C-alpha cells in the first residue's frame, strides 16, 4: 500500500487507531467462515461518522478498497480483507444513543453489540426480537449489513423488519440519513432497504434506528423428540396449519443433539432421530392454550415424548443448549463449516434426506440443525481444511446441496449472506436479469468499485 495512505490515516484517526504491524493485523485476517483468510495491510478504528467519512474520502482519492468490519462473526466471508484494502473496524462506535419508550424505538451506533440492544430494550420494558446465534458478540451494524435472522424469525421476522432508519456513509464520503420514527412514511424510494443486507458493498452503516415491540407477558418452552425425522417435519406442518405461530420452532438432528448434550448436559435424549425445541409467547392464557395444542399435535404426529419446561430456568437451559449447537459441533473436528440453505417448509423432509444422502455419497460427516419453523437449515460439515481431498468433496457436496435447495424453490442463504462463500451460486438463484440489475445498483452507488469489492459478485 502507498505509504501516503497510511500517513493520511494516522493524521485523520491518530496513531493508536491505525494498525500496520503484522502481529496486530492477524486477528483481522478472518471472520467466522472456515478456510477463508487474508492478512490486511492496515486496520483502522474510527470513533465517529465524520471519521468514517474521512476514511472513505481517502479511499476515493487514493483508489484504495475499504472493507467494513464489526466483531467478525460473519459466516460467508463478507468481512475478509481483499488485496490492498483498508479494514474499517467500527467497534469503537459502541454507544446506545437513545431509548425512546414513547415511540418504541432505539437509536444506536453500528458497533453496539446485539445483546446490548436487547438488554437496553428489556430494561425499558420493551423487546428487540432479532436474535442471531452470535448475538452476544455480533454488532448491530453487522446484523444490518447481513440482514441477520435468528431463532425468533418465524414469529418476529429478521433484522430488516426492525430497521426504521439508518445513517450511511456513501462511497465518496457523503453522509445519508434515511428513515425516521414515523410508523408511516412513503416519501420517495425506500432507500434504507437497499442498504440492509448489502454486506458493505453499497455504503457503510454508522447508526441504526430500530423498532421495538412490547415485551411478551408470558412464554412456555416445549421439547418434542421423534424416532423419525419425517414425523418432526409433519408436526411443524400441523402446527402451522393450525394457525399457531410459535416464537421459535427449532430442529436438531441426531448427530447434533448428541453433540449438544455432551457439551451442555441438559438431559437431551440420546436415542432420538430428531428433536424440536418450541417456544410460544404472548398473553398467559394464549400461551397456555397454544402449548397444550402444540403438545397434542406433536403427539398426534408421532412424537415419542413431549416435555414442558417446568420453570424459566429450565427453559433458559434448553434455549442455551440449542444456541450452543455450533460450538458443540466445533469440538468434533479441526474445521467446522456452518452452511445455510432455506426451503419452503413443505420441503424440509426432502431437504434433510438429501443432505444425509449427500454426506454418505461424498464420505463426509454432516450434522444438520436449524430453524424448522421458517425452513432455514444449517448443514454443518465436520472436516479438516488441511485435508485437500476431503475439502474438494466438501465443496462438491455444497454445490449439490445448494442446487437441490434451489430446485425445491429455496434459496442459497436464509441469513448468513453471500459474501465470498456463496457468490458463485447467486446468478443461478436470481437469473440473468436480476443479477444484472444488482450489478447496476452497485455501479451506481460505488462507481469505482472500492466498497468491499469481490463480495456478493465479482467486480
Protein backbone atom coordinates (compact mmCIF):
# COMPACT_ATOMS: atom_id res chain seq x y z
CA UNK A 1 0.00 0.00 0.00
CA UNK A 2 1.13 3.53 -0.75
CA UNK A 3 2.82 4.84 2.45
CA UNK A 4 1.00 8.12 1.89
CA UNK A 5 -2.29 6.36 2.60
CA UNK A 6 -1.01 5.17 5.98
CA UNK A 7 0.26 8.63 6.83
CA UNK A 8 -3.08 10.18 5.90
CA UNK A 9 -4.97 7.64 8.00
CA UNK A 10 -2.75 8.33 11.01
CA UNK A 11 -3.30 12.08 10.63
CA UNK A 12 -7.06 11.51 10.47
CA UNK A 13 -7.51 8.98 13.28
CA UNK A 14 -4.37 9.12 15.43
CA UNK A 15 -1.56 6.59 15.59
CA UNK A 16 -3.28 4.49 18.29
CA UNK A 17 -6.21 3.77 15.98
CA UNK A 18 -4.26 2.60 12.92
CA UNK A 19 -2.74 -0.92 12.92
CA UNK A 20 0.02 -1.80 10.46
CA UNK A 21 2.22 -4.40 12.23
CA UNK A 22 1.64 -7.97 11.05
CA UNK A 23 1.12 -9.42 14.52
CA UNK A 24 -1.56 -6.78 15.16
CA UNK A 25 -3.22 -7.46 11.81
CA UNK A 26 -3.52 -11.25 12.11
CA UNK A 27 -6.77 -11.22 14.20
CA UNK A 28 -8.40 -9.23 11.39
CA UNK A 29 -7.41 -11.66 8.63
CA UNK A 30 -10.52 -13.86 9.01
CA UNK A 31 -14.10 -13.93 10.21
CA UNK A 32 -16.13 -16.94 11.41
CA UNK A 33 -16.14 -18.51 7.92
CA UNK A 34 -13.91 -21.57 7.76
CA UNK A 35 -10.92 -21.68 5.37
CA UNK A 36 -11.15 -18.03 4.22
CA UNK A 37 -8.39 -15.69 5.38
CA UNK A 38 -6.30 -12.81 4.09
CA UNK A 39 -3.98 -10.65 6.20
CA UNK A 40 -4.85 -6.97 5.64
CA UNK A 41 -2.30 -4.21 5.23
CA UNK A 42 -3.96 -1.76 7.59
CA UNK A 43 -6.84 -1.77 10.07
CA UNK A 44 -8.43 1.48 11.25
CA UNK A 45 -10.82 2.23 14.10
CA UNK A 46 -12.93 5.36 13.57
CA UNK A 47 -14.96 6.68 16.50
CA UNK A 48 -17.38 8.98 14.65
CA UNK A 49 -19.35 9.14 11.42
CA UNK A 50 -17.18 12.08 10.38
CA UNK A 51 -14.07 9.89 10.72
CA UNK A 52 -15.71 7.13 8.65
CA UNK A 53 -16.46 9.77 6.02
CA UNK A 54 -12.83 10.89 6.12
CA UNK A 55 -11.59 7.33 5.57
CA UNK A 56 -13.86 6.89 2.54
CA UNK A 57 -12.73 10.20 1.07
CA UNK A 58 -9.12 8.96 1.39
CA UNK A 59 -10.20 5.69 -0.22
CA UNK A 60 -11.55 7.57 -3.23
CA UNK A 61 -8.54 9.87 -3.51
CA UNK A 62 -6.03 7.01 -3.46
CA UNK A 63 -8.24 4.38 -5.19
CA UNK A 64 -7.92 2.04 -2.18
CA UNK A 65 -10.64 -0.54 -1.37
CA UNK A 66 -12.40 -0.46 2.01
CA UNK A 67 -13.82 -3.49 3.84
CA UNK A 68 -16.10 -2.71 6.79
CA UNK A 69 -15.99 -4.95 9.84
CA UNK A 70 -17.64 -5.32 13.22
CA UNK A 71 -16.89 -8.26 15.52
CA UNK A 72 -16.00 -10.60 12.64
CA UNK A 73 -18.74 -13.17 13.35
CA UNK A 74 -19.90 -13.39 9.72
CA UNK A 75 -20.30 -16.81 8.11
CA UNK A 76 -19.90 -16.01 4.42
CA UNK A 77 -16.51 -14.25 4.32
CA UNK A 78 -18.08 -10.82 4.00
CA UNK A 79 -15.52 -9.04 6.19
CA UNK A 80 -12.42 -10.88 4.95
CA UNK A 81 -9.78 -8.50 3.57
CA UNK A 82 -9.16 -8.08 -0.14
CA UNK A 83 -5.85 -7.19 -1.80
CA UNK A 84 -4.56 -3.73 -0.85
CA UNK A 85 -7.62 -2.80 1.24
CA UNK A 86 -8.26 -0.79 4.37
CA UNK A 87 -10.15 -2.75 7.04
CA UNK A 88 -12.59 -0.27 8.60
CA UNK A 89 -13.48 -1.68 12.02
CA UNK A 90 -16.44 0.03 13.70
CA UNK A 91 -16.21 -1.44 17.21
CA UNK A 92 -15.30 1.93 18.80
CA UNK A 93 -18.67 3.29 17.68
CA UNK A 94 -20.40 1.45 20.51
CA UNK A 95 -22.89 3.85 22.09
CA UNK A 96 -26.63 3.41 22.52
CA UNK A 97 -27.74 6.95 21.78
CA UNK A 98 -31.40 6.83 22.75
CA UNK A 99 -34.13 4.53 24.02
CA UNK A 100 -37.48 6.17 23.26
CA UNK A 101 -40.13 4.24 25.18
CA UNK A 102 -42.89 6.58 23.96
CA UNK A 103 -42.23 5.74 20.31
CA UNK A 104 -40.89 2.19 20.82
CA UNK A 105 -37.54 2.98 19.19
CA UNK A 106 -33.85 2.66 19.98
CA UNK A 107 -31.01 4.51 18.27
CA UNK A 108 -27.52 3.05 18.37
CA UNK A 109 -24.12 3.31 16.72
CA UNK A 110 -23.07 0.49 14.43
CA UNK A 111 -20.59 -1.07 16.86
CA UNK A 112 -23.10 -1.77 19.66
CA UNK A 113 -23.43 -5.49 20.46
CA UNK A 114 -26.76 -7.10 19.62
CA UNK A 115 -27.10 -8.39 23.19
CA UNK A 116 -26.70 -4.83 24.48
CA UNK A 117 -29.56 -3.74 22.20
CA UNK A 118 -31.75 -6.49 23.62
CA UNK A 119 -30.79 -5.65 27.22
CA UNK A 120 -31.43 -1.92 26.77
CA UNK A 121 -34.87 -2.62 25.33
CA UNK A 122 -35.59 -5.12 28.10
CA UNK A 123 -34.67 -2.58 30.77
CA UNK A 124 -37.27 -0.22 29.28
CA UNK A 125 -39.94 -2.93 29.38
CA UNK A 126 -39.66 -3.46 25.62
CA UNK A 127 -38.42 -6.20 23.31
CA UNK A 128 -35.96 -6.34 20.39
CA UNK A 129 -36.75 -9.71 18.74
CA UNK A 130 -33.93 -10.46 16.20
CA UNK A 131 -31.55 -12.92 17.86
CA UNK A 132 -28.73 -14.24 15.67
CA UNK A 133 -26.80 -17.09 17.25
CA UNK A 134 -23.83 -14.75 17.70
CA UNK A 135 -25.90 -12.03 19.43
CA UNK A 136 -23.62 -11.87 22.48
CA UNK A 137 -20.68 -10.79 20.31
CA UNK A 138 -22.06 -9.60 16.95
CA UNK A 139 -22.65 -5.88 16.29
CA UNK A 140 -25.87 -4.26 15.17
CA UNK A 141 -24.12 -2.75 12.14
CA UNK A 142 -23.06 -6.22 11.06
CA UNK A 143 -26.59 -7.50 11.65
CA UNK A 144 -27.93 -4.80 9.34
CA UNK A 145 -25.24 -5.43 6.71
CA UNK A 146 -26.11 -9.14 6.63
CA UNK A 147 -29.85 -8.80 7.40
CA UNK A 148 -29.32 -11.31 10.19
CA UNK A 149 -32.06 -13.68 11.30
CA UNK A 150 -32.17 -15.93 14.34
CA UNK A 151 -34.28 -18.33 16.34
CA UNK A 152 -37.27 -15.99 16.67
CA UNK A 153 -37.56 -15.35 12.92
CA UNK A 154 -40.70 -17.47 12.44
CA UNK A 155 -42.92 -15.16 14.50
CA UNK A 156 -40.99 -11.92 14.59
CA UNK A 157 -39.05 -11.73 11.33
CA UNK A 158 -35.45 -10.67 10.73
CA UNK A 159 -33.34 -7.54 11.18
CA UNK A 160 -34.89 -5.77 8.17
CA UNK A 161 -38.29 -5.84 9.88
CA UNK A 162 -36.98 -3.69 12.75
CA UNK A 163 -34.89 -1.07 10.96
CA UNK A 164 -36.75 2.25 10.79
CA UNK A 165 -33.80 4.41 9.86
CA UNK A 166 -30.10 4.40 9.01
CA UNK A 167 -27.16 6.73 8.84
CA UNK A 168 -24.97 5.60 5.95
CA UNK A 169 -21.65 6.91 4.64
CA UNK A 170 -21.57 6.59 0.86
CA UNK A 171 -18.57 5.60 -1.24
CA UNK A 172 -17.42 9.19 -1.80
CA UNK A 173 -17.73 10.12 1.88
CA UNK A 174 -21.15 11.80 1.73
CA UNK A 175 -23.45 11.07 4.68
CA UNK A 176 -27.06 10.00 4.07
CA UNK A 177 -29.75 9.77 6.74
CA UNK A 178 -32.60 7.51 5.73
CA UNK A 179 -35.90 6.87 7.50
CA UNK A 180 -37.30 8.20 10.79
CA UNK A 181 -39.50 7.31 13.78
CA UNK A 182 -42.75 7.61 11.84
CA UNK A 183 -44.73 4.39 11.60
CA UNK A 184 -45.95 5.53 8.17
CA UNK A 185 -43.65 7.22 5.66
CA UNK A 186 -43.96 6.77 1.90
CA UNK A 187 -41.95 9.81 0.80
CA UNK A 188 -39.68 8.75 -2.04
CA UNK A 189 -37.83 5.49 -2.58
CA UNK A 190 -37.30 3.20 0.42
CA UNK A 191 -33.54 3.66 0.23
CA UNK A 192 -32.79 2.27 3.68
CA UNK A 193 -33.93 -1.15 2.49
CA UNK A 194 -31.31 -1.04 -0.24
CA UNK A 195 -28.53 -0.96 2.35
CA UNK A 196 -29.96 -3.64 4.64
CA UNK A 197 -28.31 -6.90 3.61
CA UNK A 198 -25.94 -5.16 1.18
CA UNK A 199 -22.89 -6.54 3.03
CA UNK A 200 -20.97 -3.26 2.98
CA UNK A 201 -20.87 -3.14 -0.82
CA UNK A 202 -23.03 0.00 -1.22
CA UNK A 203 -22.19 2.11 1.83
CA UNK A 204 -21.05 1.93 5.46
CA UNK A 205 -23.82 1.90 8.09
CA UNK A 206 -22.76 4.02 11.09
CA UNK A 207 -26.01 4.46 13.01
CA UNK A 208 -29.27 2.49 13.23
CA UNK A 209 -32.79 3.44 14.34
CA UNK A 210 -34.60 0.30 15.48
CA UNK A 211 -38.22 -0.53 16.14
CA UNK A 212 -39.00 -2.17 19.49
CA UNK A 213 -42.19 -4.03 20.47
CA UNK A 214 -43.94 -4.70 23.80
CA UNK A 215 -42.38 -7.43 25.85
CA UNK A 216 -44.40 -10.70 25.79
CA UNK A 217 -46.22 -11.24 29.08
CA UNK A 218 -45.57 -15.00 29.20
CA UNK A 219 -43.80 -17.81 27.42
CA UNK A 220 -43.58 -21.59 27.51
CA UNK A 221 -40.93 -23.95 26.12
CA UNK A 222 -41.62 -27.47 24.87
CA UNK A 223 -39.19 -30.21 23.84
CA UNK A 224 -40.53 -32.88 21.47
CA UNK A 225 -38.50 -35.94 20.46
CA UNK A 226 -39.00 -38.23 17.49
CA UNK A 227 -37.85 -41.63 16.29
CA UNK A 228 -38.37 -40.46 12.70
CA UNK A 229 -37.38 -37.14 11.21
CA UNK A 230 -40.44 -37.18 8.91
CA UNK A 231 -42.68 -37.13 11.97
CA UNK A 232 -40.93 -33.99 13.23
CA UNK A 233 -41.48 -32.28 9.87
CA UNK A 234 -45.13 -33.37 9.89
CA UNK A 235 -45.53 -31.83 13.34
CA UNK A 236 -44.26 -28.49 12.04
CA UNK A 237 -46.74 -28.60 9.17
CA UNK A 238 -49.59 -29.41 11.56
CA UNK A 239 -48.67 -26.59 13.95
CA UNK A 240 -48.63 -24.03 11.15
CA UNK A 241 -51.82 -25.43 9.61
CA UNK A 242 -53.50 -24.99 13.00
CA UNK A 243 -52.66 -21.27 12.70
CA UNK A 244 -50.29 -21.38 15.64
CA UNK A 245 -47.15 -19.29 15.14
CA UNK A 246 -44.59 -20.14 17.83
CA UNK A 247 -41.85 -17.72 18.77
CA UNK A 248 -39.26 -20.38 17.94
CA UNK A 249 -39.54 -23.78 16.26
CA UNK A 250 -36.07 -25.30 16.19
CA UNK A 251 -34.75 -28.62 14.91
CA UNK A 252 -31.73 -30.77 15.84
CA UNK A 253 -30.82 -33.99 14.04
CA UNK A 254 -29.48 -36.98 15.95
CA UNK A 255 -25.82 -36.12 15.41
CA UNK A 256 -26.30 -32.53 16.56
CA UNK A 257 -28.35 -33.35 19.65
CA UNK A 258 -25.79 -35.90 20.83
CA UNK A 259 -23.00 -33.36 20.45
CA UNK A 260 -25.08 -30.68 22.19
CA UNK A 261 -25.90 -32.97 25.10
CA UNK A 262 -22.24 -33.93 25.53
CA UNK A 263 -21.43 -30.20 25.55
CA UNK A 264 -24.32 -28.67 27.54
CA UNK A 265 -25.64 -31.65 29.57
CA UNK A 266 -29.26 -30.56 29.86
CA UNK A 267 -30.85 -34.00 29.60
CA UNK A 268 -31.50 -34.28 25.87
CA UNK A 269 -32.37 -37.82 24.72
CA UNK A 270 -29.56 -39.70 23.01
CA UNK A 271 -31.70 -42.20 21.09
CA UNK A 272 -33.92 -39.79 19.12
CA UNK A 273 -33.52 -39.18 15.39
CA UNK A 274 -34.89 -35.65 15.65
CA UNK A 275 -35.77 -33.09 18.27
CA UNK A 276 -37.99 -30.00 18.14
CA UNK A 277 -37.49 -27.13 20.57
CA UNK A 278 -40.62 -24.96 20.55
CA UNK A 279 -41.32 -21.71 22.38
CA UNK A 280 -44.62 -19.86 22.44
CA UNK A 281 -45.07 -16.39 23.89
CA UNK A 282 -47.79 -13.80 24.36
CA UNK A 283 -50.75 -13.41 26.72
CA UNK A 284 -50.63 -16.05 29.51
CA UNK A 285 -53.99 -17.57 28.52
CA UNK A 286 -52.98 -17.79 24.86
CA UNK A 287 -49.61 -19.30 25.79
CA UNK A 288 -51.29 -21.99 27.91
CA UNK A 289 -53.76 -22.80 25.15
CA UNK A 290 -51.18 -22.91 22.37
CA UNK A 291 -48.78 -25.02 24.44
CA UNK A 292 -51.46 -27.64 25.03
CA UNK A 293 -52.50 -27.66 21.36
CA UNK A 294 -48.86 -27.99 20.24
CA UNK A 295 -48.33 -30.89 22.63
CA UNK A 296 -51.38 -32.66 21.22
CA UNK A 297 -50.28 -32.03 17.62
CA UNK A 298 -46.74 -33.31 18.26
CA UNK A 299 -48.07 -36.42 19.99
CA UNK A 300 -50.56 -36.99 17.19
CA UNK A 301 -47.76 -36.81 14.64
CA UNK A 302 -45.66 -39.47 16.33
CA UNK A 303 -43.56 -37.69 18.94
CA UNK A 304 -42.13 -40.24 21.35
CA UNK A 305 -42.22 -37.64 24.12
CA UNK A 306 -43.21 -34.01 24.66
CA UNK A 307 -41.72 -32.28 27.67
CA UNK A 308 -42.70 -28.87 29.03
CA UNK A 309 -40.05 -26.78 30.74
CA UNK A 310 -41.11 -26.56 34.37
CA UNK A 311 -39.77 -23.07 35.00
CA UNK A 312 -37.87 -20.20 33.42
CA UNK A 313 -34.52 -21.67 34.46
CA UNK A 314 -35.17 -24.93 32.61
CA UNK A 315 -36.45 -23.04 29.56
CA UNK A 316 -33.27 -20.94 29.55
CA UNK A 317 -31.12 -24.10 29.77
CA UNK A 318 -32.91 -25.64 26.79
CA UNK A 319 -32.60 -22.45 24.74
CA UNK A 320 -28.91 -22.18 25.63
CA UNK A 321 -28.41 -25.78 24.55
CA UNK A 322 -29.87 -25.00 21.11
CA UNK A 323 -27.76 -21.86 20.79
CA UNK A 324 -24.67 -23.92 21.59
CA UNK A 325 -25.15 -26.26 18.60
CA UNK A 326 -22.36 -24.69 16.54
CA UNK A 327 -19.95 -24.63 19.49
CA UNK A 328 -20.76 -28.22 20.35
CA UNK A 329 -20.15 -29.43 16.81
CA UNK A 330 -16.97 -27.38 16.51
CA UNK A 331 -15.36 -29.61 19.15
CA UNK A 332 -15.58 -32.65 16.89
CA UNK A 333 -13.17 -31.84 14.04
CA UNK A 334 -10.47 -29.23 13.32
CA UNK A 335 -12.68 -27.40 10.79
CA UNK A 336 -16.40 -26.73 11.14
CA UNK A 337 -18.23 -25.26 8.13
CA UNK A 338 -21.66 -23.97 9.14
CA UNK A 339 -23.76 -23.67 5.99
CA UNK A 340 -27.12 -22.06 5.39
CA UNK A 341 -29.89 -23.06 2.98
CA UNK A 342 -33.62 -22.39 3.17
CA UNK A 343 -36.52 -24.20 1.53
CA UNK A 344 -40.32 -23.96 1.80
CA UNK A 345 -41.45 -25.70 4.99
CA UNK A 346 -43.24 -28.36 2.97
CA UNK A 347 -39.88 -29.46 1.53
CA UNK A 348 -37.96 -29.83 4.81
CA UNK A 349 -38.07 -33.64 4.90
CA UNK A 350 -36.82 -33.87 1.31
CA UNK A 351 -34.04 -31.39 2.00
CA UNK A 352 -32.80 -33.13 5.13
CA UNK A 353 -32.87 -36.55 3.48
CA UNK A 354 -30.90 -35.14 0.56
CA UNK A 355 -28.29 -33.66 2.92
CA UNK A 356 -27.91 -37.04 4.63
CA UNK A 357 -27.58 -38.86 1.31
CA UNK A 358 -25.09 -36.30 0.02
CA UNK A 359 -22.93 -36.78 3.09
CA UNK A 360 -22.91 -40.54 2.55
CA UNK A 361 -22.21 -40.15 -1.17
CA UNK A 362 -19.14 -37.96 -0.57
CA UNK A 363 -18.00 -39.78 2.61
CA UNK A 364 -18.48 -36.68 4.75
CA UNK A 365 -19.69 -36.07 8.27
CA UNK A 366 -22.60 -33.61 8.16
CA UNK A 367 -24.77 -32.60 11.11
CA UNK A 368 -27.95 -30.60 10.49
CA UNK A 369 -29.88 -28.23 12.72
CA UNK A 370 -31.80 -25.05 12.14
CA UNK A 371 -35.00 -23.09 12.20
CA UNK A 372 -37.64 -25.63 11.12
CA UNK A 373 -40.42 -23.08 11.52
CA UNK A 374 -39.14 -20.92 8.66
CA UNK A 375 -37.44 -23.63 6.60
CA UNK A 376 -33.89 -22.44 7.34
CA UNK A 377 -31.44 -25.33 7.73
CA UNK A 378 -27.78 -25.32 8.74
CA UNK A 379 -26.00 -28.36 7.31
CA UNK A 380 -22.70 -28.34 9.18
CA UNK A 381 -19.62 -30.03 7.72
CA UNK A 382 -17.23 -31.54 10.27
CA UNK A 383 -13.95 -31.74 8.40
CA UNK A 384 -10.28 -30.70 8.29
CA UNK A 385 -9.25 -27.96 5.90
CA UNK A 386 -5.71 -29.42 5.81
CA UNK A 387 -7.11 -32.49 4.01
CA UNK A 388 -7.22 -31.21 0.42
CA UNK A 389 -9.03 -34.24 -0.98
CA UNK A 390 -11.74 -34.08 1.68
CA UNK A 391 -12.22 -30.33 1.17
CA UNK A 392 -12.78 -30.97 -2.54
CA UNK A 393 -15.55 -33.40 -1.56
CA UNK A 394 -16.97 -30.80 0.84
CA UNK A 395 -17.22 -28.21 -1.94
CA UNK A 396 -18.77 -30.74 -4.31
CA UNK A 397 -21.36 -31.61 -1.66
CA UNK A 398 -22.13 -27.93 -1.05
CA UNK A 399 -22.77 -27.36 -4.74
CA UNK A 400 -25.19 -30.27 -4.82
CA UNK A 401 -26.99 -29.14 -1.66
CA UNK A 402 -27.48 -25.58 -2.93
CA UNK A 403 -28.64 -26.82 -6.33
CA UNK A 404 -31.18 -29.11 -4.68
CA UNK A 405 -32.43 -26.31 -2.42
CA UNK A 406 -32.98 -24.11 -5.48
CA UNK A 407 -34.81 -26.94 -7.25
CA UNK A 408 -37.24 -27.03 -4.31
CA UNK A 409 -37.93 -23.31 -4.62
CA UNK A 410 -35.45 -22.41 -1.88
CA UNK A 411 -32.53 -20.03 -1.50
CA UNK A 412 -28.76 -20.38 -1.12
CA UNK A 413 -28.82 -18.32 2.08
CA UNK A 414 -31.56 -17.55 4.58
CA UNK A 415 -29.48 -15.47 6.98
CA UNK A 416 -25.70 -15.76 6.52
CA UNK A 417 -25.36 -13.64 3.38
CA UNK A 418 -23.48 -14.19 0.12
CA UNK A 419 -20.04 -12.66 0.73
CA UNK A 420 -17.19 -14.66 -0.76
CA UNK A 421 -18.53 -18.07 0.14
CA UNK A 422 -21.69 -18.13 -1.98
CA UNK A 423 -21.24 -15.64 -4.79
CA UNK A 424 -20.66 -18.48 -7.28
CA UNK A 425 -24.27 -19.63 -6.73
CA UNK A 426 -26.03 -16.25 -6.79
CA UNK A 427 -26.66 -15.93 -10.53
CA UNK A 428 -28.25 -19.38 -10.62
CA UNK A 429 -30.77 -18.28 -8.00
CA UNK A 430 -31.51 -14.78 -9.31
CA UNK A 431 -31.38 -15.31 -13.06
CA UNK A 432 -29.54 -13.08 -15.51
CA UNK A 433 -31.93 -10.12 -15.38
CA UNK A 434 -31.99 -9.71 -11.60
CA UNK A 435 -28.27 -10.40 -11.36
CA UNK A 436 -27.51 -7.65 -13.90
CA UNK A 437 -29.82 -5.25 -12.02
CA UNK A 438 -27.90 -5.82 -8.79
CA UNK A 439 -24.63 -5.06 -10.52
CA UNK A 440 -26.16 -1.90 -11.98
CA UNK A 441 -27.13 -0.73 -8.48
CA UNK A 442 -23.58 -1.43 -7.30
CA UNK A 443 -22.08 0.62 -10.15
CA UNK A 444 -24.45 3.49 -9.44
CA UNK A 445 -23.57 3.80 -5.75
CA UNK A 446 -19.93 2.71 -5.93
CA UNK A 447 -18.68 3.64 -9.43
CA UNK A 448 -15.02 2.97 -8.58
CA UNK A 449 -15.87 -0.42 -7.04
CA UNK A 450 -13.99 0.29 -3.80
CA UNK A 451 -16.56 -0.82 -1.21
CA UNK A 452 -15.96 -4.45 -0.23
CA UNK A 453 -15.02 -5.43 -3.80
CA UNK A 454 -15.34 -9.06 -4.84
CA UNK A 455 -18.09 -9.77 -2.31
CA UNK A 456 -21.59 -10.85 -3.43
CA UNK A 457 -20.35 -10.91 -7.06
CA UNK A 458 -17.08 -10.44 -8.91
CA UNK A 459 -16.09 -6.90 -9.94
